[in-house]
Every structure is written in C-alpha cells, then in structure tokens.
PDB file of N, CA and C in Angstrom:
ATOM      1  N   MET A   1     245.519  79.357 125.080  1.00  0.00           N
ATOM      2  CA  MET A   1     246.620  78.670 125.127  1.00  0.00           C
ATOM      3  C   MET A   1     246.406  77.698 126.276  1.00  0.00           C
ATOM      4  N   ILE A   2     246.841  76.389 125.976  1.00  0.00           N
ATOM      5  CA  ILE A   2     246.523  75.293 126.930  1.00  0.00           C
ATOM      6  C   ILE A   2     247.875  74.428 126.711  1.00  0.00           C
ATOM      7  N   LYS A   3     248.300  73.848 128.412  1.00  0.00           N
ATOM      8  CA  LYS A   3     249.532  73.133 128.531  1.00  0.00           C
ATOM      9  C   LYS A   3     249.335  71.948 128.960  1.00  0.00           C
ATOM     10  N   GLU A   4     250.028  71.158 128.607  1.00  0.00           N
ATOM     11  CA  GLU A   4     249.796  69.889 129.438  1.00  0.00           C
ATOM     12  C   GLU A   4     251.417  69.381 129.777  1.00  0.00           C
ATOM     13  N   LYS A   5     251.385  68.521 130.862  1.00  0.00           N
ATOM     14  CA  LYS A   5     252.998  68.185 131.177  1.00  0.00           C
ATOM     15  C   LYS A   5     252.632  66.526 130.725  1.00  0.00           C
ATOM     16  N   ILE A   6     253.268  66.182 130.060  1.00  0.00           N
ATOM     17  CA  ILE A   6     253.639  64.437 129.498  1.00  0.00           C
ATOM     18  C   ILE A   6     255.039  64.019 130.006  1.00  0.00           C
ATOM     19  N   THR A   7     254.763  62.746 129.883  1.00  0.00           N
ATOM     20  CA  THR A   7     256.108  61.701 130.199  1.00  0.00           C
ATOM     21  C   THR A   7     255.904  61.106 128.827  1.00  0.00           C
ATOM     22  N   ILE A   8     257.264  60.977 128.526  1.00  0.00           N
ATOM     23  CA  ILE A   8     257.675  60.134 127.093  1.00  0.00           C
ATOM     24  C   ILE A   8     258.039  58.841 127.526  1.00  0.00           C
ATOM     25  N   LEU A   9     256.497  58.163 126.982  1.00  0.00           N
ATOM     26  CA  LEU A   9     256.408  56.440 127.303  1.00  0.00           C
ATOM     27  C   LEU A   9     257.381  55.240 126.295  1.00  0.00           C
ATOM     28  N   ASP A  10     257.386  55.971 125.257  1.00  0.00           N
ATOM     29  CA  ASP A  10     258.319  54.951 124.062  1.00  0.00           C
ATOM     30  C   ASP A  10     259.415  54.699 124.790  1.00  0.00           C
ATOM     31  N   GLU A  11     259.563  53.297 124.589  1.00  0.00           N
ATOM     32  CA  GLU A  11     260.969  52.487 124.791  1.00  0.00           C
ATOM     33  C   GLU A  11     262.280  53.138 124.589  1.00  0.00           C
ATOM     34  N   ASN A  12     262.017  53.768 123.331  1.00  0.00           N
ATOM     35  CA  ASN A  12     263.212  54.323 122.726  1.00  0.00           C
ATOM     36  C   ASN A  12     263.512  55.946 122.595  1.00  0.00           C
ATOM     37  N   GLY A  13     262.365  56.284 123.390  1.00  0.00           N
ATOM     38  CA  GLY A  13     262.076  58.098 123.530  1.00  0.00           C
ATOM     39  C   GLY A  13     261.756  58.606 122.475  1.00  0.00           C
ATOM     40  N   LEU A  14     261.773  59.797 122.146  1.00  0.00           N
ATOM     41  CA  LEU A  14     261.467  60.597 121.350  1.00  0.00           C
ATOM     42  C   LEU A  14     262.698  60.915 119.820  1.00  0.00           C
ATOM     43  N   HIS A  15     262.489  59.242 119.357  1.00  0.00           N
ATOM     44  CA  HIS A  15     263.458  59.279 118.685  1.00  0.00           C
ATOM     45  C   HIS A  15     263.016  59.859 116.989  1.00  0.00           C
ATOM     46  N   ALA A  16     263.954  59.760 116.038  1.00  0.00           N
ATOM     47  CA  ALA A  16     263.332  60.358 114.938  1.00  0.00           C
ATOM     48  C   ALA A  16     262.082  59.898 114.476  1.00  0.00           C
ATOM     49  N   LEU A  17     261.672  58.506 114.162  1.00  0.00           N
ATOM     50  CA  LEU A  17     260.546  58.309 113.688  1.00  0.00           C
ATOM     51  C   LEU A  17     259.448  58.758 114.791  1.00  0.00           C
ATOM     52  N   PRO A  18     259.160  58.462 115.942  1.00  0.00           N
ATOM     53  CA  PRO A  18     258.107  59.371 116.564  1.00  0.00           C
ATOM     54  C   PRO A  18     258.008  61.327 116.108  1.00  0.00           C
ATOM     55  N   ALA A  19     259.133  61.287 116.562  1.00  0.00           N
ATOM     56  CA  ALA A  19     259.340  62.918 116.090  1.00  0.00           C
ATOM     57  C   ALA A  19     259.026  63.278 114.980  1.00  0.00           C
ATOM     58  N   SER A  20     259.121  62.379 113.740  1.00  0.00           N
ATOM     59  CA  SER A  20     258.479  63.108 112.431  1.00  0.00           C
ATOM     60  C   SER A  20     257.129  63.108 112.065  1.00  0.00           C
ATOM     61  N   ARG A  21     256.502  61.713 112.748  1.00  0.00           N
ATOM     62  CA  ARG A  21     255.035  61.669 112.744  1.00  0.00           C
ATOM     63  C   ARG A  21     254.523  62.811 113.945  1.00  0.00           C
ATOM     64  N   PHE A  22     255.228  63.202 114.779  1.00  0.00           N
ATOM     65  CA  PHE A  22     254.342  64.655 115.746  1.00  0.00           C
ATOM     66  C   PHE A  22     254.618  65.389 114.924  1.00  0.00           C
ATOM     67  N   VAL A  23     255.978  66.052 114.076  1.00  0.00           N
ATOM     68  CA  VAL A  23     255.779  67.149 113.071  1.00  0.00           C
ATOM     69  C   VAL A  23     254.952  67.136 112.018  1.00  0.00           C
ATOM     70  N   LYS A  24     254.656  66.284 111.671  1.00  0.00           N
ATOM     71  CA  LYS A  24     253.792  65.700 110.423  1.00  0.00           C
ATOM     72  C   LYS A  24     252.409  65.983 110.895  1.00  0.00           C
ATOM     73  N   LEU A  25     252.145  65.568 112.354  1.00  0.00           N
ATOM     74  CA  LEU A  25     250.891  65.908 112.571  1.00  0.00           C
ATOM     75  C   LEU A  25     250.819  67.132 113.163  1.00  0.00           C
ATOM     76  N   ALA A  26     251.939  67.610 113.762  1.00  0.00           N
ATOM     77  CA  ALA A  26     251.389  69.204 114.077  1.00  0.00           C
ATOM     78  C   ALA A  26     251.260  70.073 113.252  1.00  0.00           C
ATOM     79  N   GLU A  27     251.918  70.045 111.880  1.00  0.00           N
ATOM     80  CA  GLU A  27     251.627  70.720 110.824  1.00  0.00           C
ATOM     81  C   GLU A  27     250.362  71.152 110.038  1.00  0.00           C
ATOM     82  N   LYS A  28     249.508  69.852 110.414  1.00  0.00           N
ATOM     83  CA  LYS A  28     248.237  69.881 110.137  1.00  0.00           C
ATOM     84  C   LYS A  28     247.038  70.967 110.934  1.00  0.00           C
ATOM     85  N   PHE A  29     247.801  71.289 111.929  1.00  0.00           N
ATOM     86  CA  PHE A  29     246.631  72.090 112.727  1.00  0.00           C
ATOM     87  C   PHE A  29     247.382  73.493 112.760  1.00  0.00           C
ATOM     88  N   GLU A  30     246.143  74.319 112.638  1.00  0.00           N
ATOM     89  CA  GLU A  30     246.393  75.953 112.735  1.00  0.00           C
ATOM     90  C   GLU A  30     247.556  76.135 114.091  1.00  0.00           C
ATOM     91  N   SER A  31     247.073  75.863 115.005  1.00  0.00           N
ATOM     92  CA  SER A  31     247.578  76.389 116.325  1.00  0.00           C
ATOM     93  C   SER A  31     249.337  76.071 116.347  1.00  0.00           C
ATOM     94  N   ASN A  32     249.723  77.074 117.025  1.00  0.00           N
ATOM     95  CA  ASN A  32     251.320  77.230 117.475  1.00  0.00           C
ATOM     96  C   ASN A  32     251.240  75.810 118.235  1.00  0.00           C
ATOM     97  N   VAL A  33     252.366  75.049 117.829  1.00  0.00           N
ATOM     98  CA  VAL A  33     252.835  74.451 118.989  1.00  0.00           C
ATOM     99  C   VAL A  33     253.973  74.134 119.537  1.00  0.00           C
ATOM    100  N   THR A  34     254.459  74.096 120.729  1.00  0.00           N
ATOM    101  CA  THR A  34     255.622  74.022 121.210  1.00  0.00           C
ATOM    102  C   THR A  34     255.899  72.932 122.347  1.00  0.00           C
ATOM    103  N   LEU A  35     256.984  72.586 122.465  1.00  0.00           N
ATOM    104  CA  LEU A  35     257.579  71.529 123.194  1.00  0.00           C
ATOM    105  C   LEU A  35     258.623  72.025 124.368  1.00  0.00           C
ATOM    106  N   LYS A  36     258.919  71.840 125.589  1.00  0.00           N
ATOM    107  CA  LYS A  36     259.396  72.680 126.389  1.00  0.00           C
ATOM    108  C   LYS A  36     260.276  71.396 127.251  1.00  0.00           C
ATOM    109  N   LYS A  37     261.488  71.066 127.260  1.00  0.00           N
ATOM    110  CA  LYS A  37     262.009  70.245 128.107  1.00  0.00           C
ATOM    111  C   LYS A  37     263.281  71.031 129.143  1.00  0.00           C
ATOM    112  N   GLY A  38     262.769  71.626 130.360  1.00  0.00           N
ATOM    113  CA  GLY A  38     263.769  71.947 130.989  1.00  0.00           C
ATOM    114  C   GLY A  38     263.837  73.748 130.692  1.00  0.00           C
ATOM    115  N   ASP A  39     264.724  74.066 130.339  1.00  0.00           N
ATOM    116  CA  ASP A  39     264.824  75.354 129.948  1.00  0.00           C
ATOM    117  C   ASP A  39     264.457  75.813 128.406  1.00  0.00           C
ATOM    118  N   ILE A  40     264.920  74.432 127.358  1.00  0.00           N
ATOM    119  CA  ILE A  40     264.982  74.557 126.220  1.00  0.00           C
ATOM    120  C   ILE A  40     263.352  74.107 125.962  1.00  0.00           C
ATOM    121  N   GLU A  41     263.016  75.316 124.961  1.00  0.00           N
ATOM    122  CA  GLU A  41     261.723  75.484 124.175  1.00  0.00           C
ATOM    123  C   GLU A  41     261.521  75.485 122.679  1.00  0.00           C
ATOM    124  N   VAL A  42     261.078  74.610 121.862  1.00  0.00           N
ATOM    125  CA  VAL A  42     261.295  74.690 120.665  1.00  0.00           C
ATOM    126  C   VAL A  42     259.979  74.475 119.970  1.00  0.00           C
ATOM    127  N   SER A  43     260.017  74.631 118.485  1.00  0.00           N
ATOM    128  CA  SER A  43     258.867  74.610 117.873  1.00  0.00           C
ATOM    129  C   SER A  43     258.529  72.755 117.696  1.00  0.00           C
ATOM    130  N   GLY A  44     257.006  72.729 117.931  1.00  0.00           N
ATOM    131  CA  GLY A  44     256.261  71.208 117.849  1.00  0.00           C
ATOM    132  C   GLY A  44     256.645  70.954 115.937  1.00  0.00           C
ATOM    133  N   LYS A  45     256.565  72.313 115.400  1.00  0.00           N
ATOM    134  CA  LYS A  45     256.823  72.088 113.723  1.00  0.00           C
ATOM    135  C   LYS A  45     258.144  71.546 113.440  1.00  0.00           C
ATOM    136  N   SER A  46     259.472  71.788 114.284  1.00  0.00           N
ATOM    137  CA  SER A  46     260.515  71.648 113.871  1.00  0.00           C
ATOM    138  C   SER A  46     261.106  70.265 113.916  1.00  0.00           C
ATOM    139  N   ILE A  47     261.375  69.510 112.999  1.00  0.00           N
ATOM    140  CA  ILE A  47     261.924  68.108 113.453  1.00  0.00           C
ATOM    141  C   ILE A  47     263.224  68.228 114.215  1.00  0.00           C
ATOM    142  N   MET A  48     264.311  69.334 113.890  1.00  0.00           N
ATOM    143  CA  MET A  48     265.449  69.076 114.232  1.00  0.00           C
ATOM    144  C   MET A  48     265.289  70.016 115.608  1.00  0.00           C
ATOM    145  N   GLY A  49     264.134  70.979 116.109  1.00  0.00           N
ATOM    146  CA  GLY A  49     264.286  71.416 117.487  1.00  0.00           C
ATOM    147  C   GLY A  49     263.850  70.193 118.292  1.00  0.00           C
ATOM    148  N   ILE A  50     263.028  69.311 117.783  1.00  0.00           N
ATOM    149  CA  ILE A  50     262.308  68.536 118.939  1.00  0.00           C
ATOM    150  C   ILE A  50     263.597  67.471 119.103  1.00  0.00           C
ATOM    151  N   LEU A  51     264.233  67.163 118.153  1.00  0.00           N
ATOM    152  CA  LEU A  51     265.363  66.006 118.238  1.00  0.00           C
ATOM    153  C   LEU A  51     266.574  66.421 119.251  1.00  0.00           C
ATOM    154  N   THR A  52     266.834  68.404 119.234  1.00  0.00           N
ATOM    155  CA  THR A  52     267.667  68.385 120.136  1.00  0.00           C
ATOM    156  C   THR A  52     267.211  68.454 121.393  1.00  0.00           C
ATOM    157  N   LEU A  53     265.865  68.058 121.693  1.00  0.00           N
ATOM    158  CA  LEU A  53     265.293  68.320 123.211  1.00  0.00           C
ATOM    159  C   LEU A  53     266.178  66.798 123.676  1.00  0.00           C
ATOM    160  N   ALA A  54     266.885  66.061 122.983  1.00  0.00           N
ATOM    161  CA  ALA A  54     266.942  64.398 123.653  1.00  0.00           C
ATOM    162  C   ALA A  54     265.953  63.764 124.179  1.00  0.00           C
ATOM    163  N   CYS A  55     264.773  63.485 124.081  1.00  0.00           N
ATOM    164  CA  CYS A  55     263.721  63.129 125.085  1.00  0.00           C
ATOM    165  C   CYS A  55     264.230  61.327 124.917  1.00  0.00           C
ATOM    166  N   GLU A  56     264.274  60.885 126.317  1.00  0.00           N
ATOM    167  CA  GLU A  56     264.359  59.712 126.542  1.00  0.00           C
ATOM    168  C   GLU A  56     263.212  58.793 127.139  1.00  0.00           C
ATOM    169  N   LYS A  57     263.053  58.092 127.164  1.00  0.00           N
ATOM    170  CA  LYS A  57     261.873  57.253 127.992  1.00  0.00           C
ATOM    171  C   LYS A  57     261.894  57.728 129.065  1.00  0.00           C
ATOM    172  N   GLY A  58     261.067  58.306 129.757  1.00  0.00           N
ATOM    173  CA  GLY A  58     260.633  58.681 131.399  1.00  0.00           C
ATOM    174  C   GLY A  58     260.647  60.368 131.513  1.00  0.00           C
ATOM    175  N   SER A  59     261.090  61.254 130.073  1.00  0.00           N
ATOM    176  CA  SER A  59     261.398  62.640 130.002  1.00  0.00           C
ATOM    177  C   SER A  59     260.398  62.962 130.246  1.00  0.00           C
ATOM    178  N   THR A  60     260.143  64.044 130.951  1.00  0.00           N
ATOM    179  CA  THR A  60     258.968  64.628 130.875  1.00  0.00           C
ATOM    180  C   THR A  60     258.919  66.369 129.902  1.00  0.00           C
ATOM    181  N   VAL A  61     257.999  66.503 129.200  1.00  0.00           N
ATOM    182  CA  VAL A  61     258.037  67.885 128.334  1.00  0.00           C
ATOM    183  C   VAL A  61     256.455  68.477 128.870  1.00  0.00           C
ATOM    184  N   ILE A  62     256.769  69.565 128.479  1.00  0.00           N
ATOM    185  CA  ILE A  62     255.540  70.541 128.365  1.00  0.00           C
ATOM    186  C   ILE A  62     254.993  70.769 126.849  1.00  0.00           C
ATOM    187  N   LEU A  63     253.698  69.994 126.564  1.00  0.00           N
ATOM    188  CA  LEU A  63     253.616  70.270 125.421  1.00  0.00           C
ATOM    189  C   LEU A  63     252.821  71.442 125.326  1.00  0.00           C
ATOM    190  N   SER A  64     252.632  72.621 124.832  1.00  0.00           N
ATOM    191  CA  SER A  64     251.780  73.898 124.520  1.00  0.00           C
ATOM    192  C   SER A  64     251.200  74.097 123.465  1.00  0.00           C
ATOM    193  N   CYS A  65     249.757  74.225 123.299  1.00  0.00           N
ATOM    194  CA  CYS A  65     249.280  74.558 121.958  1.00  0.00           C
ATOM    195  C   CYS A  65     248.199  75.822 122.046  1.00  0.00           C
ATOM    196  N   ASP A  66     248.535  76.745 121.151  1.00  0.00           N
ATOM    197  CA  ASP A  66     247.964  78.135 121.014  1.00  0.00           C
ATOM    198  C   ASP A  66     247.204  78.336 120.044  1.00  0.00           C
ATOM    199  N   GLY A  67     246.063  78.229 119.565  1.00  0.00           N
ATOM    200  CA  GLY A  67     245.079  78.846 118.557  1.00  0.00           C
ATOM    201  C   GLY A  67     243.658  78.148 118.490  1.00  0.00           C
ATOM    202  N   LYS A  68     243.082  78.447 117.536  1.00  0.00           N
ATOM    203  CA  LYS A  68     241.546  77.903 117.458  1.00  0.00           C
ATOM    204  C   LYS A  68     241.168  76.431 117.428  1.00  0.00           C
ATOM    205  N   ASP A  69     242.380  75.744 116.980  1.00  0.00           N
ATOM    206  CA  ASP A  69     242.343  74.285 117.319  1.00  0.00           C
ATOM    207  C   ASP A  69     243.257  73.462 118.263  1.00  0.00           C
ATOM    208  N   GLU A  70     243.255  74.321 119.445  1.00  0.00           N
ATOM    209  CA  GLU A  70     244.199  73.790 120.247  1.00  0.00           C
ATOM    210  C   GLU A  70     244.152  72.532 121.164  1.00  0.00           C
ATOM    211  N   LYS A  71     242.556  72.305 121.391  1.00  0.00           N
ATOM    212  CA  LYS A  71     242.422  71.141 121.892  1.00  0.00           C
ATOM    213  C   LYS A  71     242.489  69.693 121.485  1.00  0.00           C
ATOM    214  N   GLU A  72     242.075  70.318 119.756  1.00  0.00           N
ATOM    215  CA  GLU A  72     242.094  68.936 119.029  1.00  0.00           C
ATOM    216  C   GLU A  72     243.707  68.644 118.949  1.00  0.00           C
ATOM    217  N   ALA A  73     244.465  69.310 118.459  1.00  0.00           N
ATOM    218  CA  ALA A  73     245.933  69.641 118.800  1.00  0.00           C
ATOM    219  C   ALA A  73     246.531  68.768 119.740  1.00  0.00           C
ATOM    220  N   LEU A  74     246.429  69.188 120.969  1.00  0.00           N
ATOM    221  CA  LEU A  74     246.887  68.714 122.181  1.00  0.00           C
ATOM    222  C   LEU A  74     246.788  67.197 122.430  1.00  0.00           C
ATOM    223  N   LYS A  75     245.391  67.329 122.097  1.00  0.00           N
ATOM    224  CA  LYS A  75     244.939  65.541 122.199  1.00  0.00           C
ATOM    225  C   LYS A  75     245.268  64.799 121.592  1.00  0.00           C
ATOM    226  N   ALA A  76     245.937  64.934 119.904  1.00  0.00           N
ATOM    227  CA  ALA A  76     245.861  64.244 118.918  1.00  0.00           C
ATOM    228  C   ALA A  76     247.679  63.830 119.289  1.00  0.00           C
ATOM    229  N   LEU A  77     248.758  65.246 119.686  1.00  0.00           N
ATOM    230  CA  LEU A  77     249.904  65.360 119.436  1.00  0.00           C
ATOM    231  C   LEU A  77     250.321  64.463 121.291  1.00  0.00           C
ATOM    232  N   ARG A  78     249.344  64.368 122.002  1.00  0.00           N
ATOM    233  CA  ARG A  78     249.897  63.544 123.344  1.00  0.00           C
ATOM    234  C   ARG A  78     249.658  62.214 123.088  1.00  0.00           C
ATOM    235  N   LYS A  79     249.495  61.454 122.149  1.00  0.00           N
ATOM    236  CA  LYS A  79     248.983  60.106 121.886  1.00  0.00           C
ATOM    237  C   LYS A  79     250.586  59.802 121.214  1.00  0.00           C
ATOM    238  N   ILE A  80     251.072  60.772 120.656  1.00  0.00           N
ATOM    239  CA  ILE A  80     252.533  60.615 119.944  1.00  0.00           C
ATOM    240  C   ILE A  80     253.227  60.521 121.098  1.00  0.00           C
ATOM    241  N   LEU A  81     253.454  61.195 121.937  1.00  0.00           N
ATOM    242  CA  LEU A  81     254.741  61.357 123.026  1.00  0.00           C
ATOM    243  C   LEU A  81     254.120  60.363 123.866  1.00  0.00           C
ATOM    244  N   GLU A  82     252.983  59.985 124.314  1.00  0.00           N
ATOM    245  CA  GLU A  82     252.642  59.226 125.120  1.00  0.00           C
ATOM    246  C   GLU A  82     252.785  57.227 124.326  1.00  0.00           C
ATOM    247  N   GLY A  83     253.219  57.209 123.236  1.00  0.00           N
ATOM    248  CA  GLY A  83     253.139  56.237 122.582  1.00  0.00           C
ATOM    249  C   GLY A  83     252.128  55.349 122.230  1.00  0.00           C
ATOM    250  N   GLN A  84     251.217  55.960 122.277  1.00  0.00           N
ATOM    251  CA  GLN A  84     249.686  55.232 121.625  1.00  0.00           C
ATOM    252  C   GLN A  84     249.475  55.590 120.505  1.00  0.00           C
ATOM    253  N   ASP A  85     250.689  56.126 119.660  1.00  0.00           N
ATOM    254  CA  ASP A  85     250.427  56.164 118.192  1.00  0.00           C
ATOM    255  C   ASP A  85     251.356  55.973 117.352  1.00  0.00           C
TER     256      ASP A  85
END
C-alpha cells in the first residue's frame, strides 16, 4: 500500500467533472483506491463517495492505492487531484 498527501489545486475543487474523471480512471486499475479527508474515508471508485468529501481548492486529502498496479494508479490519479489532467 502506498499513500500520498495531496492538496486540491483546481479552482473549483473536486467537483462533479474531475470527480467523474477520477472515478473512471480509478476503475481502470486493479488496485483498491481510497480518498480520505479528515475522518472520512471513501472509495476512489465511488462518485458519490468522492462528492461527499466536499473538497474545495486548498483541501488536503490522502490518496491511498493498494494492489499490484498501485504506483501507476497513484501517479495517474494524483494528476487529476492536482488539476494537471
């Protein structure tokens, strides 16, 4: 398992469009993907879970990936959270 603390950089936060892209990309990986903000941890493969985190610009989340393609998953998913994709 690998984890990384990431700050949401998109001006609009992690709203529906980037959350949808995140989930679609997360589903392509075998690894289990989770996002945690504060005490709330949700599946990175659940759009409703991600939206419940209400991540605004500047929010900090912990992205965790666990599985055989965890490094690739973390690298790709980080880009969406940081607004690079």
